[in-house]
N, C-alpha and C. Protein backbone atom coordinates (compact mmCIF):
# COMPACT_ATOMS: atom_id res chain seq x y z
N MET A 1 0.85 -1.20 0.00
CA MET A 1 0.00 0.00 0.00
C MET A 1 0.88 1.25 0.00
N MET A 2 0.56 2.20 -0.86
CA MET A 2 1.33 3.43 -0.95
C MET A 2 1.07 4.31 0.27
N ALA A 3 2.08 5.04 0.69
CA ALA A 3 1.91 5.98 1.79
C ALA A 3 1.02 7.13 1.35
N LYS A 4 0.28 7.72 2.30
CA LYS A 4 -0.60 8.83 2.00
C LYS A 4 0.24 10.04 1.58
N PRO A 5 -0.37 10.93 0.77
CA PRO A 5 0.38 12.10 0.28
C PRO A 5 1.02 12.93 1.38
N ASN A 6 0.31 13.14 2.51
CA ASN A 6 0.89 13.96 3.58
C ASN A 6 2.08 13.26 4.23
N VAL A 7 2.05 11.92 4.26
CA VAL A 7 3.18 11.17 4.79
C VAL A 7 4.37 11.30 3.84
N MET A 8 4.11 11.18 2.55
CA MET A 8 5.17 11.33 1.56
C MET A 8 5.78 12.73 1.64
N LEU A 9 4.92 13.73 1.85
CA LEU A 9 5.40 15.10 1.97
C LEU A 9 6.29 15.26 3.20
N SER A 10 5.88 14.64 4.31
CA SER A 10 6.67 14.71 5.53
C SER A 10 8.02 14.02 5.35
N MET A 11 8.02 12.87 4.69
CA MET A 11 9.27 12.15 4.43
C MET A 11 10.20 12.97 3.55
N GLY A 12 9.62 13.57 2.50
CA GLY A 12 10.43 14.40 1.61
C GLY A 12 10.98 15.62 2.31
N SER A 13 10.16 16.22 3.17
CA SER A 13 10.60 17.41 3.91
C SER A 13 11.71 17.06 4.88
N ALA A 14 11.55 15.93 5.59
CA ALA A 14 12.57 15.51 6.56
C ALA A 14 13.90 15.24 5.85
N PHE A 15 13.82 14.55 4.72
CA PHE A 15 15.02 14.26 3.93
C PHE A 15 15.64 15.55 3.40
N GLY A 16 14.79 16.46 2.91
CA GLY A 16 15.26 17.72 2.36
C GLY A 16 15.94 18.60 3.38
N ILE A 17 15.39 18.64 4.60
CA ILE A 17 16.00 19.45 5.67
C ILE A 17 17.37 18.90 6.04
N ALA A 18 17.46 17.57 6.15
CA ALA A 18 18.75 16.94 6.46
C ALA A 18 19.77 17.22 5.36
N LEU A 19 19.32 17.07 4.11
CA LEU A 19 20.22 17.28 2.97
C LEU A 19 20.66 18.74 2.89
N ALA A 20 19.72 19.66 3.12
CA ALA A 20 20.04 21.09 3.09
C ALA A 20 21.03 21.46 4.20
N THR A 21 20.86 20.85 5.36
CA THR A 21 21.78 21.08 6.49
C THR A 21 23.20 20.69 6.11
N VAL A 22 23.32 19.51 5.49
CA VAL A 22 24.64 19.03 5.07
C VAL A 22 25.24 19.96 4.01
N ALA A 23 24.41 20.37 3.06
CA ALA A 23 24.89 21.24 1.98
C ALA A 23 25.41 22.56 2.53
N ILE A 24 24.70 23.13 3.51
CA ILE A 24 25.11 24.41 4.10
C ILE A 24 26.44 24.25 4.86
N VAL A 25 26.54 23.18 5.65
CA VAL A 25 27.76 22.95 6.43
C VAL A 25 28.96 22.76 5.51
N LEU A 26 28.79 21.95 4.47
CA LEU A 26 29.91 21.69 3.57
C LEU A 26 30.27 22.92 2.74
N ALA A 27 29.26 23.72 2.39
CA ALA A 27 29.51 24.94 1.63
C ALA A 27 30.29 25.96 2.44
N LEU A 28 30.00 26.02 3.74
CA LEU A 28 30.64 27.01 4.61
C LEU A 28 32.00 26.55 5.13
N ASN A 29 32.17 25.23 5.29
CA ASN A 29 33.36 24.72 5.96
C ASN A 29 34.21 23.77 5.11
N GLY A 30 33.82 23.53 3.88
CA GLY A 30 34.58 22.60 3.05
C GLY A 30 34.14 21.16 3.27
N THR A 31 34.88 20.23 2.67
CA THR A 31 34.49 18.82 2.71
C THR A 31 35.47 17.96 3.50
N GLY A 32 36.18 18.56 4.43
CA GLY A 32 37.14 17.82 5.24
C GLY A 32 36.47 17.03 6.35
N GLU A 33 37.29 16.31 7.12
CA GLU A 33 36.77 15.44 8.18
C GLU A 33 35.99 16.23 9.23
N LYS A 34 36.53 17.38 9.67
CA LYS A 34 35.86 18.17 10.71
C LYS A 34 34.50 18.64 10.24
N SER A 35 34.41 19.04 8.98
CA SER A 35 33.15 19.50 8.43
C SER A 35 32.13 18.37 8.36
N ILE A 36 32.57 17.20 7.95
CA ILE A 36 31.66 16.05 7.86
C ILE A 36 31.18 15.65 9.25
N ARG A 37 32.08 15.71 10.24
CA ARG A 37 31.68 15.37 11.61
C ARG A 37 30.65 16.37 12.15
N LEU A 38 30.81 17.65 11.80
CA LEU A 38 29.82 18.65 12.21
C LEU A 38 28.47 18.35 11.56
N ALA A 39 28.50 18.01 10.28
CA ALA A 39 27.26 17.65 9.58
C ALA A 39 26.63 16.41 10.22
N LEU A 40 27.46 15.46 10.63
CA LEU A 40 26.96 14.26 11.30
C LEU A 40 26.23 14.61 12.60
N GLU A 41 26.84 15.52 13.37
CA GLU A 41 26.22 15.92 14.63
C GLU A 41 24.86 16.59 14.40
N LEU A 42 24.80 17.46 13.41
CA LEU A 42 23.56 18.20 13.15
C LEU A 42 22.47 17.27 12.61
N THR A 43 22.83 16.37 11.68
CA THR A 43 21.82 15.44 11.14
C THR A 43 21.39 14.44 12.20
N ALA A 44 22.29 14.10 13.14
CA ALA A 44 21.93 13.20 14.23
C ALA A 44 20.88 13.86 15.13
N ARG A 45 21.05 15.16 15.38
CA ARG A 45 20.08 15.88 16.22
C ARG A 45 18.72 15.96 15.52
N TRP A 46 18.73 16.20 14.22
CA TRP A 46 17.49 16.26 13.45
C TRP A 46 16.81 14.89 13.45
N SER A 47 17.58 13.83 13.23
CA SER A 47 17.03 12.48 13.25
C SER A 47 16.46 12.15 14.62
N PHE A 48 17.19 12.56 15.68
CA PHE A 48 16.73 12.25 17.03
C PHE A 48 15.40 12.95 17.35
N LEU A 49 15.23 14.17 16.87
CA LEU A 49 13.97 14.88 17.09
C LEU A 49 12.81 14.11 16.47
N LEU A 50 12.99 13.65 15.24
CA LEU A 50 11.94 12.87 14.57
C LEU A 50 11.74 11.53 15.27
N PHE A 51 12.83 10.93 15.71
CA PHE A 51 12.78 9.67 16.45
C PHE A 51 11.96 9.84 17.73
N LEU A 52 12.20 10.94 18.45
CA LEU A 52 11.49 11.22 19.69
C LEU A 52 10.00 11.42 19.44
N LEU A 53 9.66 12.16 18.38
CA LEU A 53 8.26 12.40 18.05
C LEU A 53 7.56 11.12 17.63
N ALA A 54 8.29 10.22 16.97
CA ALA A 54 7.70 8.96 16.53
C ALA A 54 7.34 8.07 17.70
N TYR A 55 8.19 8.01 18.70
CA TYR A 55 8.00 7.07 19.80
C TYR A 55 7.46 7.69 21.09
N ALA A 56 7.41 9.00 21.15
CA ALA A 56 6.87 9.64 22.35
C ALA A 56 5.93 10.78 22.01
N GLY A 57 5.52 10.89 20.75
CA GLY A 57 4.67 12.00 20.32
C GLY A 57 3.34 12.05 21.06
N ASN A 58 2.68 10.90 21.23
CA ASN A 58 1.39 10.87 21.91
C ASN A 58 1.52 11.30 23.37
N ALA A 59 2.59 10.82 24.03
CA ALA A 59 2.81 11.20 25.43
C ALA A 59 3.11 12.69 25.55
N LEU A 60 3.93 13.21 24.63
CA LEU A 60 4.25 14.64 24.65
C LEU A 60 3.01 15.48 24.39
N ALA A 61 2.15 15.00 23.48
CA ALA A 61 0.91 15.73 23.19
C ALA A 61 -0.01 15.77 24.40
N ALA A 62 -0.07 14.65 25.13
CA ALA A 62 -0.92 14.59 26.32
C ALA A 62 -0.40 15.52 27.41
N LEU A 63 0.92 15.62 27.51
CA LEU A 63 1.51 16.46 28.56
C LEU A 63 1.45 17.95 28.22
N SER A 64 1.65 18.24 26.93
CA SER A 64 1.77 19.65 26.53
C SER A 64 0.47 20.22 25.96
N GLY A 65 -0.44 19.33 25.53
CA GLY A 65 -1.67 19.79 24.90
C GLY A 65 -1.48 20.15 23.44
N TRP A 66 -0.30 19.88 22.90
CA TRP A 66 0.01 20.18 21.50
C TRP A 66 -0.46 19.01 20.65
N THR A 67 -1.73 19.02 20.29
CA THR A 67 -2.36 17.87 19.64
C THR A 67 -1.88 17.63 18.21
N VAL A 68 -1.17 18.61 17.64
CA VAL A 68 -0.71 18.46 16.26
C VAL A 68 0.27 17.29 16.10
N ILE A 69 0.92 16.88 17.19
CA ILE A 69 1.88 15.77 17.11
C ILE A 69 1.26 14.45 17.55
N SER A 70 0.01 14.46 17.92
CA SER A 70 -0.65 13.24 18.40
C SER A 70 -1.12 12.37 17.24
N GLY A 71 -0.99 11.06 17.39
CA GLY A 71 -1.49 10.11 16.40
C GLY A 71 -0.72 10.11 15.08
N ARG A 72 0.53 10.55 15.10
CA ARG A 72 1.32 10.62 13.86
C ARG A 72 2.62 9.83 13.98
N ALA A 73 2.57 8.78 14.78
CA ALA A 73 3.78 7.99 15.03
C ALA A 73 4.34 7.41 13.72
N ARG A 74 3.46 6.87 12.88
CA ARG A 74 3.94 6.27 11.63
C ARG A 74 4.57 7.33 10.73
N GLU A 75 3.93 8.48 10.66
CA GLU A 75 4.44 9.57 9.82
C GLU A 75 5.81 10.03 10.29
N PHE A 76 5.94 10.23 11.61
CA PHE A 76 7.23 10.68 12.14
C PHE A 76 8.28 9.57 12.02
N GLY A 77 7.84 8.32 12.17
CA GLY A 77 8.78 7.21 12.04
C GLY A 77 9.35 7.09 10.64
N LEU A 78 8.49 7.23 9.64
CA LEU A 78 8.96 7.18 8.25
C LEU A 78 9.81 8.41 7.92
N SER A 79 9.46 9.54 8.51
CA SER A 79 10.25 10.75 8.30
C SER A 79 11.64 10.59 8.91
N PHE A 80 11.68 9.97 10.10
CA PHE A 80 12.98 9.68 10.73
C PHE A 80 13.83 8.80 9.82
N ALA A 81 13.22 7.73 9.29
CA ALA A 81 13.97 6.82 8.42
C ALA A 81 14.48 7.55 7.18
N SER A 82 13.66 8.44 6.64
CA SER A 82 14.05 9.19 5.45
C SER A 82 15.21 10.13 5.75
N ALA A 83 15.10 10.88 6.85
CA ALA A 83 16.16 11.82 7.22
C ALA A 83 17.44 11.09 7.60
N HIS A 84 17.29 9.92 8.21
CA HIS A 84 18.46 9.18 8.67
C HIS A 84 19.29 8.63 7.51
N LEU A 85 18.69 8.54 6.34
CA LEU A 85 19.46 8.11 5.17
C LEU A 85 20.61 9.07 4.89
N VAL A 86 20.35 10.36 5.09
CA VAL A 86 21.40 11.36 4.89
C VAL A 86 22.52 11.14 5.91
N HIS A 87 22.13 10.88 7.15
CA HIS A 87 23.10 10.65 8.21
C HIS A 87 23.94 9.41 7.91
N VAL A 88 23.29 8.34 7.47
CA VAL A 88 24.01 7.11 7.14
C VAL A 88 24.97 7.36 5.98
N GLY A 89 24.53 8.15 5.00
CA GLY A 89 25.40 8.49 3.88
C GLY A 89 26.66 9.21 4.34
N LEU A 90 26.52 10.10 5.32
CA LEU A 90 27.68 10.81 5.86
C LEU A 90 28.61 9.85 6.60
N VAL A 91 28.03 8.89 7.32
CA VAL A 91 28.84 7.89 8.03
C VAL A 91 29.70 7.12 7.03
N ILE A 92 29.08 6.70 5.93
CA ILE A 92 29.80 5.95 4.90
C ILE A 92 30.90 6.83 4.28
N TRP A 93 30.56 8.08 3.99
CA TRP A 93 31.53 9.01 3.40
C TRP A 93 32.73 9.20 4.33
N LEU A 94 32.46 9.43 5.62
CA LEU A 94 33.54 9.61 6.57
C LEU A 94 34.36 8.33 6.70
N GLY A 95 33.68 7.19 6.62
CA GLY A 95 34.39 5.91 6.68
C GLY A 95 35.36 5.73 5.53
N VAL A 96 34.95 6.18 4.36
CA VAL A 96 35.83 6.10 3.18
C VAL A 96 37.06 6.98 3.39
N ILE A 97 36.86 8.17 3.96
CA ILE A 97 37.97 9.10 4.19
C ILE A 97 38.95 8.54 5.22
N LEU A 98 38.39 7.95 6.31
CA LEU A 98 39.23 7.46 7.40
C LEU A 98 39.76 6.06 7.16
N GLY A 99 39.14 5.33 6.26
CA GLY A 99 39.55 3.95 6.01
C GLY A 99 39.03 2.98 7.04
N ARG A 100 38.03 3.37 7.82
CA ARG A 100 37.41 2.49 8.81
C ARG A 100 36.00 2.99 9.09
N VAL A 101 35.20 2.17 9.77
CA VAL A 101 33.85 2.58 10.13
C VAL A 101 33.94 3.55 11.29
N PRO A 102 33.51 4.81 11.13
CA PRO A 102 33.76 5.84 12.14
C PRO A 102 32.68 5.92 13.22
N LEU A 103 32.26 4.78 13.76
CA LEU A 103 31.24 4.79 14.79
C LEU A 103 31.87 4.45 16.13
N SER A 104 31.73 5.35 17.10
CA SER A 104 32.24 5.10 18.44
C SER A 104 31.49 6.00 19.41
N GLY A 105 31.57 5.66 20.70
CA GLY A 105 30.99 6.50 21.74
C GLY A 105 29.50 6.74 21.55
N GLY A 106 29.08 8.01 21.75
CA GLY A 106 27.67 8.36 21.65
C GLY A 106 27.10 8.13 20.27
N LEU A 107 27.91 8.39 19.24
CA LEU A 107 27.45 8.16 17.86
C LEU A 107 27.13 6.69 17.65
N LEU A 108 27.98 5.80 18.18
CA LEU A 108 27.75 4.37 18.07
C LEU A 108 26.45 3.98 18.77
N LEU A 109 26.26 4.47 20.00
CA LEU A 109 25.07 4.11 20.76
C LEU A 109 23.80 4.55 20.05
N PHE A 110 23.78 5.82 19.57
CA PHE A 110 22.58 6.30 18.90
C PHE A 110 22.31 5.51 17.63
N PHE A 111 23.37 5.21 16.86
CA PHE A 111 23.21 4.48 15.61
C PHE A 111 22.66 3.08 15.88
N LEU A 112 23.19 2.41 16.90
CA LEU A 112 22.73 1.06 17.21
C LEU A 112 21.29 1.05 17.71
N ILE A 113 20.97 1.98 18.62
CA ILE A 113 19.62 2.03 19.18
C ILE A 113 18.60 2.37 18.10
N ALA A 114 18.89 3.41 17.32
CA ALA A 114 17.96 3.83 16.27
C ALA A 114 17.79 2.75 15.23
N SER A 115 18.89 2.15 14.79
CA SER A 115 18.82 1.13 13.75
C SER A 115 18.11 -0.12 14.24
N THR A 116 18.35 -0.50 15.51
CA THR A 116 17.74 -1.70 16.04
C THR A 116 16.23 -1.53 16.19
N ILE A 117 15.78 -0.34 16.63
CA ILE A 117 14.35 -0.11 16.82
C ILE A 117 13.63 -0.03 15.48
N THR A 118 14.23 0.63 14.50
CA THR A 118 13.58 0.75 13.20
C THR A 118 13.69 -0.54 12.40
N ASN A 119 14.75 -1.34 12.65
CA ASN A 119 14.92 -2.63 11.98
C ASN A 119 15.58 -3.59 12.96
N PRO A 120 14.79 -4.39 13.69
CA PRO A 120 15.34 -5.26 14.74
C PRO A 120 16.35 -6.27 14.23
N ASN A 121 16.41 -6.52 12.92
CA ASN A 121 17.35 -7.50 12.39
C ASN A 121 18.74 -6.93 12.15
N VAL A 122 18.92 -5.60 12.34
CA VAL A 122 20.23 -5.00 12.12
C VAL A 122 21.26 -5.61 13.07
N ILE A 123 20.94 -5.64 14.37
CA ILE A 123 21.80 -6.28 15.36
C ILE A 123 20.91 -7.10 16.27
N LYS A 124 21.06 -8.41 16.23
CA LYS A 124 20.22 -9.29 17.03
C LYS A 124 21.06 -9.89 18.16
N LEU A 125 20.76 -9.50 19.39
CA LEU A 125 21.43 -10.05 20.56
C LEU A 125 20.57 -11.18 21.11
N LEU A 126 21.12 -12.37 21.17
CA LEU A 126 20.36 -13.54 21.59
C LEU A 126 20.30 -13.61 23.11
N LEU A 127 19.11 -13.83 23.64
CA LEU A 127 18.94 -13.94 25.07
C LEU A 127 18.76 -15.40 25.45
N PRO A 128 19.43 -15.86 26.52
CA PRO A 128 19.28 -17.24 26.96
C PRO A 128 17.87 -17.51 27.43
N LYS A 129 17.35 -18.68 27.12
CA LYS A 129 15.99 -19.04 27.49
C LYS A 129 16.00 -20.36 28.24
N SER A 130 15.03 -20.53 29.13
CA SER A 130 14.88 -21.78 29.85
C SER A 130 13.60 -22.45 29.40
N SER A 131 13.72 -23.57 28.70
CA SER A 131 12.54 -24.25 28.18
C SER A 131 11.77 -24.96 29.28
N SER A 132 12.43 -25.23 30.41
CA SER A 132 11.77 -25.97 31.48
C SER A 132 10.91 -25.08 32.35
N GLY A 133 11.13 -23.78 32.28
CA GLY A 133 10.35 -22.86 33.10
C GLY A 133 10.86 -22.77 34.53
N GLN A 134 11.96 -23.50 34.85
CA GLN A 134 12.50 -23.47 36.20
C GLN A 134 13.37 -22.23 36.40
N ALA A 135 13.57 -21.90 37.67
CA ALA A 135 14.42 -20.76 37.98
C ALA A 135 15.84 -21.02 37.51
N VAL A 136 16.50 -19.99 36.97
CA VAL A 136 17.86 -20.16 36.48
C VAL A 136 18.80 -19.25 37.26
N SER A 137 20.04 -19.68 37.44
CA SER A 137 21.03 -18.87 38.13
C SER A 137 21.52 -17.78 37.18
N LYS A 138 21.74 -16.58 37.69
CA LYS A 138 22.11 -15.44 36.87
C LYS A 138 23.47 -14.90 37.32
N LYS A 139 24.21 -14.37 36.36
CA LYS A 139 25.51 -13.78 36.67
C LYS A 139 25.80 -12.68 35.66
N THR A 140 26.38 -11.59 36.15
CA THR A 140 26.76 -10.48 35.28
C THR A 140 28.28 -10.45 35.14
N ILE A 141 28.73 -10.31 33.89
CA ILE A 141 30.16 -10.25 33.61
C ILE A 141 30.49 -8.86 33.07
N SER A 142 31.53 -8.25 33.60
CA SER A 142 31.97 -6.94 33.13
C SER A 142 33.10 -7.13 32.12
N VAL A 143 32.88 -6.61 30.91
CA VAL A 143 33.89 -6.64 29.86
C VAL A 143 34.19 -5.21 29.46
N THR A 144 35.47 -4.87 29.38
CA THR A 144 35.85 -3.50 29.00
C THR A 144 36.82 -3.52 27.82
N ILE A 145 36.74 -2.45 27.02
CA ILE A 145 37.70 -2.22 25.94
C ILE A 145 38.25 -0.81 26.14
N SER A 146 39.54 -0.71 26.37
CA SER A 146 40.15 0.60 26.66
C SER A 146 40.53 1.31 25.37
N GLN A 147 40.99 2.55 25.53
CA GLN A 147 41.38 3.37 24.38
C GLN A 147 42.49 2.72 23.57
N ASP A 148 43.41 2.04 24.26
CA ASP A 148 44.52 1.38 23.56
C ASP A 148 44.21 -0.09 23.25
N LEU A 149 42.90 -0.41 23.20
CA LEU A 149 42.40 -1.73 22.80
C LEU A 149 42.90 -2.86 23.70
N LYS A 150 42.93 -2.58 25.01
CA LYS A 150 43.19 -3.63 25.98
C LYS A 150 41.86 -4.10 26.56
N TYR A 151 41.68 -5.42 26.62
CA TYR A 151 40.42 -6.01 27.04
C TYR A 151 40.53 -6.56 28.46
N THR A 152 39.46 -6.44 29.23
CA THR A 152 39.41 -7.07 30.54
C THR A 152 38.07 -7.78 30.71
N VAL A 153 38.08 -8.83 31.50
CA VAL A 153 36.86 -9.54 31.88
C VAL A 153 36.85 -9.59 33.40
N ASN A 154 35.87 -8.92 34.00
CA ASN A 154 35.82 -8.77 35.46
C ASN A 154 37.15 -8.24 36.00
N ASN A 155 37.65 -7.20 35.32
CA ASN A 155 38.86 -6.48 35.72
C ASN A 155 40.17 -7.27 35.53
N LYS A 156 40.10 -8.42 34.90
CA LYS A 156 41.30 -9.20 34.62
C LYS A 156 41.65 -9.09 33.14
N PRO A 157 42.90 -8.75 32.82
CA PRO A 157 43.29 -8.61 31.40
C PRO A 157 43.09 -9.92 30.63
N VAL A 158 42.54 -9.77 29.43
CA VAL A 158 42.30 -10.92 28.56
C VAL A 158 42.65 -10.52 27.13
N LYS A 159 43.38 -11.38 26.43
CA LYS A 159 43.64 -11.13 25.02
C LYS A 159 42.37 -11.37 24.22
N VAL A 160 42.18 -10.57 23.17
CA VAL A 160 40.94 -10.67 22.42
C VAL A 160 40.78 -12.06 21.81
N GLU A 161 41.89 -12.70 21.44
CA GLU A 161 41.80 -14.04 20.86
C GLU A 161 41.40 -15.10 21.90
N ASP A 162 41.54 -14.74 23.20
CA ASP A 162 41.14 -15.67 24.26
C ASP A 162 39.77 -15.33 24.85
N MET A 163 39.12 -14.29 24.30
CA MET A 163 37.86 -13.82 24.86
C MET A 163 36.78 -14.90 24.86
N GLN A 164 36.63 -15.61 23.74
CA GLN A 164 35.58 -16.63 23.64
C GLN A 164 35.81 -17.76 24.64
N THR A 165 37.06 -18.20 24.79
CA THR A 165 37.38 -19.26 25.74
C THR A 165 37.09 -18.82 27.17
N THR A 166 37.46 -17.56 27.48
CA THR A 166 37.24 -17.03 28.83
C THR A 166 35.75 -16.95 29.15
N LEU A 167 34.96 -16.45 28.21
CA LEU A 167 33.52 -16.32 28.45
C LEU A 167 32.84 -17.68 28.51
N THR A 168 33.36 -18.65 27.74
CA THR A 168 32.81 -20.00 27.78
C THR A 168 32.95 -20.59 29.18
N GLY A 169 34.07 -20.26 29.84
CA GLY A 169 34.28 -20.74 31.20
C GLY A 169 33.23 -20.23 32.17
N PHE A 170 32.76 -18.99 31.94
CA PHE A 170 31.74 -18.43 32.83
C PHE A 170 30.38 -19.12 32.64
N LYS A 171 30.15 -19.70 31.48
CA LYS A 171 28.86 -20.37 31.23
C LYS A 171 28.67 -21.58 32.14
N LYS A 172 29.77 -22.13 32.64
CA LYS A 172 29.68 -23.28 33.54
C LYS A 172 29.26 -22.85 34.94
N LEU A 173 29.38 -21.55 35.22
CA LEU A 173 29.10 -21.05 36.57
C LEU A 173 27.66 -20.57 36.74
N ALA A 174 26.98 -20.28 35.63
CA ALA A 174 25.61 -19.77 35.72
C ALA A 174 24.84 -20.14 34.47
N THR A 175 23.55 -20.36 34.63
CA THR A 175 22.70 -20.72 33.49
C THR A 175 22.43 -19.52 32.60
N GLU A 176 22.24 -18.36 33.22
CA GLU A 176 21.91 -17.15 32.47
C GLU A 176 22.97 -16.08 32.74
N LEU A 177 23.67 -15.70 31.70
CA LEU A 177 24.74 -14.70 31.82
C LEU A 177 24.37 -13.41 31.11
N THR A 178 24.86 -12.30 31.63
CA THR A 178 24.72 -11.01 30.97
C THR A 178 26.08 -10.33 30.96
N ILE A 179 26.51 -9.93 29.77
CA ILE A 179 27.76 -9.18 29.64
C ILE A 179 27.44 -7.69 29.64
N VAL A 180 28.08 -6.95 30.52
CA VAL A 180 27.98 -5.49 30.52
C VAL A 180 29.25 -4.97 29.86
N LEU A 181 29.11 -4.46 28.64
CA LEU A 181 30.27 -4.05 27.85
C LEU A 181 30.52 -2.56 27.98
N SER A 182 31.68 -2.20 28.53
CA SER A 182 32.07 -0.79 28.67
C SER A 182 33.17 -0.49 27.65
N VAL A 183 32.94 0.52 26.83
CA VAL A 183 33.84 0.81 25.72
C VAL A 183 34.27 2.27 25.77
N ASP A 184 35.56 2.50 25.61
CA ASP A 184 36.05 3.88 25.50
C ASP A 184 35.46 4.51 24.24
N ARG A 185 35.14 5.79 24.31
CA ARG A 185 34.44 6.46 23.21
C ARG A 185 35.26 6.51 21.92
N THR A 186 36.58 6.29 22.02
CA THR A 186 37.42 6.35 20.82
C THR A 186 37.55 5.00 20.12
N VAL A 187 37.00 3.95 20.73
CA VAL A 187 37.13 2.60 20.15
C VAL A 187 36.24 2.47 18.92
N ALA A 188 36.77 1.91 17.86
CA ALA A 188 36.02 1.74 16.61
C ALA A 188 34.99 0.64 16.75
N ILE A 189 33.95 0.71 15.92
CA ILE A 189 32.85 -0.23 16.03
C ILE A 189 33.28 -1.67 15.75
N GLN A 190 34.32 -1.86 14.92
CA GLN A 190 34.75 -3.22 14.60
C GLN A 190 35.12 -3.99 15.86
N ASN A 191 35.76 -3.32 16.82
CA ASN A 191 36.18 -3.98 18.05
C ASN A 191 34.98 -4.29 18.94
N VAL A 192 33.97 -3.42 18.91
CA VAL A 192 32.76 -3.64 19.68
C VAL A 192 31.99 -4.82 19.10
N VAL A 193 31.83 -4.82 17.79
CA VAL A 193 31.09 -5.88 17.12
C VAL A 193 31.76 -7.23 17.32
N GLN A 194 33.09 -7.24 17.43
CA GLN A 194 33.83 -8.48 17.65
C GLN A 194 33.38 -9.15 18.95
N VAL A 195 33.22 -8.35 20.01
CA VAL A 195 32.74 -8.90 21.28
C VAL A 195 31.28 -9.30 21.17
N MET A 196 30.49 -8.49 20.46
CA MET A 196 29.08 -8.83 20.26
C MET A 196 28.93 -10.17 19.55
N ASP A 197 29.76 -10.40 18.56
CA ASP A 197 29.70 -11.66 17.82
C ASP A 197 30.01 -12.85 18.73
N ILE A 198 30.99 -12.69 19.61
CA ILE A 198 31.33 -13.76 20.54
C ILE A 198 30.16 -14.04 21.48
N ALA A 199 29.54 -12.96 21.98
CA ALA A 199 28.38 -13.13 22.87
C ALA A 199 27.25 -13.85 22.16
N GLN A 200 27.04 -13.50 20.89
CA GLN A 200 25.97 -14.13 20.13
C GLN A 200 26.26 -15.62 19.91
N LYS A 201 27.50 -15.93 19.59
CA LYS A 201 27.87 -17.34 19.38
C LYS A 201 27.64 -18.17 20.64
N LEU A 202 27.90 -17.57 21.78
CA LEU A 202 27.77 -18.28 23.06
C LEU A 202 26.37 -18.16 23.66
N ASN A 203 25.48 -17.46 22.95
CA ASN A 203 24.10 -17.27 23.43
C ASN A 203 24.07 -16.54 24.77
N ILE A 204 24.87 -15.48 24.88
CA ILE A 204 24.93 -14.68 26.10
C ILE A 204 24.36 -13.30 25.81
N LYS A 205 23.49 -12.84 26.68
CA LYS A 205 22.93 -11.50 26.53
C LYS A 205 24.02 -10.45 26.73
N LEU A 206 23.97 -9.37 25.92
CA LEU A 206 24.97 -8.31 26.03
C LEU A 206 24.29 -6.96 26.05
N VAL A 207 24.74 -6.10 26.98
CA VAL A 207 24.23 -4.73 27.04
C VAL A 207 25.42 -3.78 27.05
N LEU A 208 25.24 -2.59 26.45
CA LEU A 208 26.28 -1.58 26.45
C LEU A 208 26.12 -0.68 27.67
N ALA A 209 27.21 -0.50 28.40
CA ALA A 209 27.18 0.38 29.57
C ALA A 209 27.26 1.82 29.12
N THR A 210 26.63 2.72 29.87
CA THR A 210 26.72 4.15 29.57
C THR A 210 27.75 4.78 30.48
N GLU A 211 28.38 5.83 29.97
CA GLU A 211 29.43 6.51 30.72
C GLU A 211 28.83 7.59 31.58
N SER A 212 29.10 7.57 32.90
CA SER A 212 28.57 8.58 33.81
C SER A 212 29.32 9.88 33.63
N LYS A 213 28.61 11.00 33.80
CA LYS A 213 29.21 12.31 33.67
C LYS A 213 29.69 12.81 35.03
N GLY A 214 30.65 13.72 34.97
CA GLY A 214 31.14 14.32 36.21
C GLY A 214 32.54 13.87 36.54
C-alpha cells in the first residue's frame, strides 16, 4: 500500500531538511573530516527529534496539549527513516575518508539504538531461554575495551583471541549470563562488534554500559 500524500510530503521534507543542512555545512566549511563530523552531529540531532516524536509523540501531546503531534507515530517514524538516510550516507563518506567505520561513543550508541528499533534484524542479541520454566542462576560479567584496545573480563586482562574461551568458562558457573560491555568512546565499532559476535555465538545477553558524567 502506498503511503498517504501527507506522509510522503513529511518524508520528503525531513530528507530535504537533512540534505540542506549538510549542503550548508559543507559549503561554509569545506568537505574535510571536521566539516563532515559537524554535519553528522547536526543530522543526528534532526534524526533524534523525529525519532522522539515517533516514539513519544502521543505522550508529549498529552503532557503539553500540543495535539498536532498526536497520532502521527507512523508519519514521524517514516520521516525519521528518510532523514536518517542522509546521516548514514555521511557515516559511509567519513568511513571512506578514514579507512574504517567511524562509529564510536555516543554516535555508536545512537546508531545502534535507532537502527535496532527501526529494523530489529540490524543487530540481534540472543537472550538465553529456559525451556523448562525453572528458575535459572544469573551472573553479570563486566567486559571492557580501553582506548589502547586492551580487554578485561571482570577487571582481569584478557587477550581478544582468548575472549571466547574465557567467556565459555563463565557459562559453567551460571545458566543465564549477561555481559555489561564498557567501551572507550574512541574505540572503533569493529572492536565492539567483535565482542558482540562472541556473545551471540555463546548465546549470552549483552548490554552496552553508559558513561557517567562528572
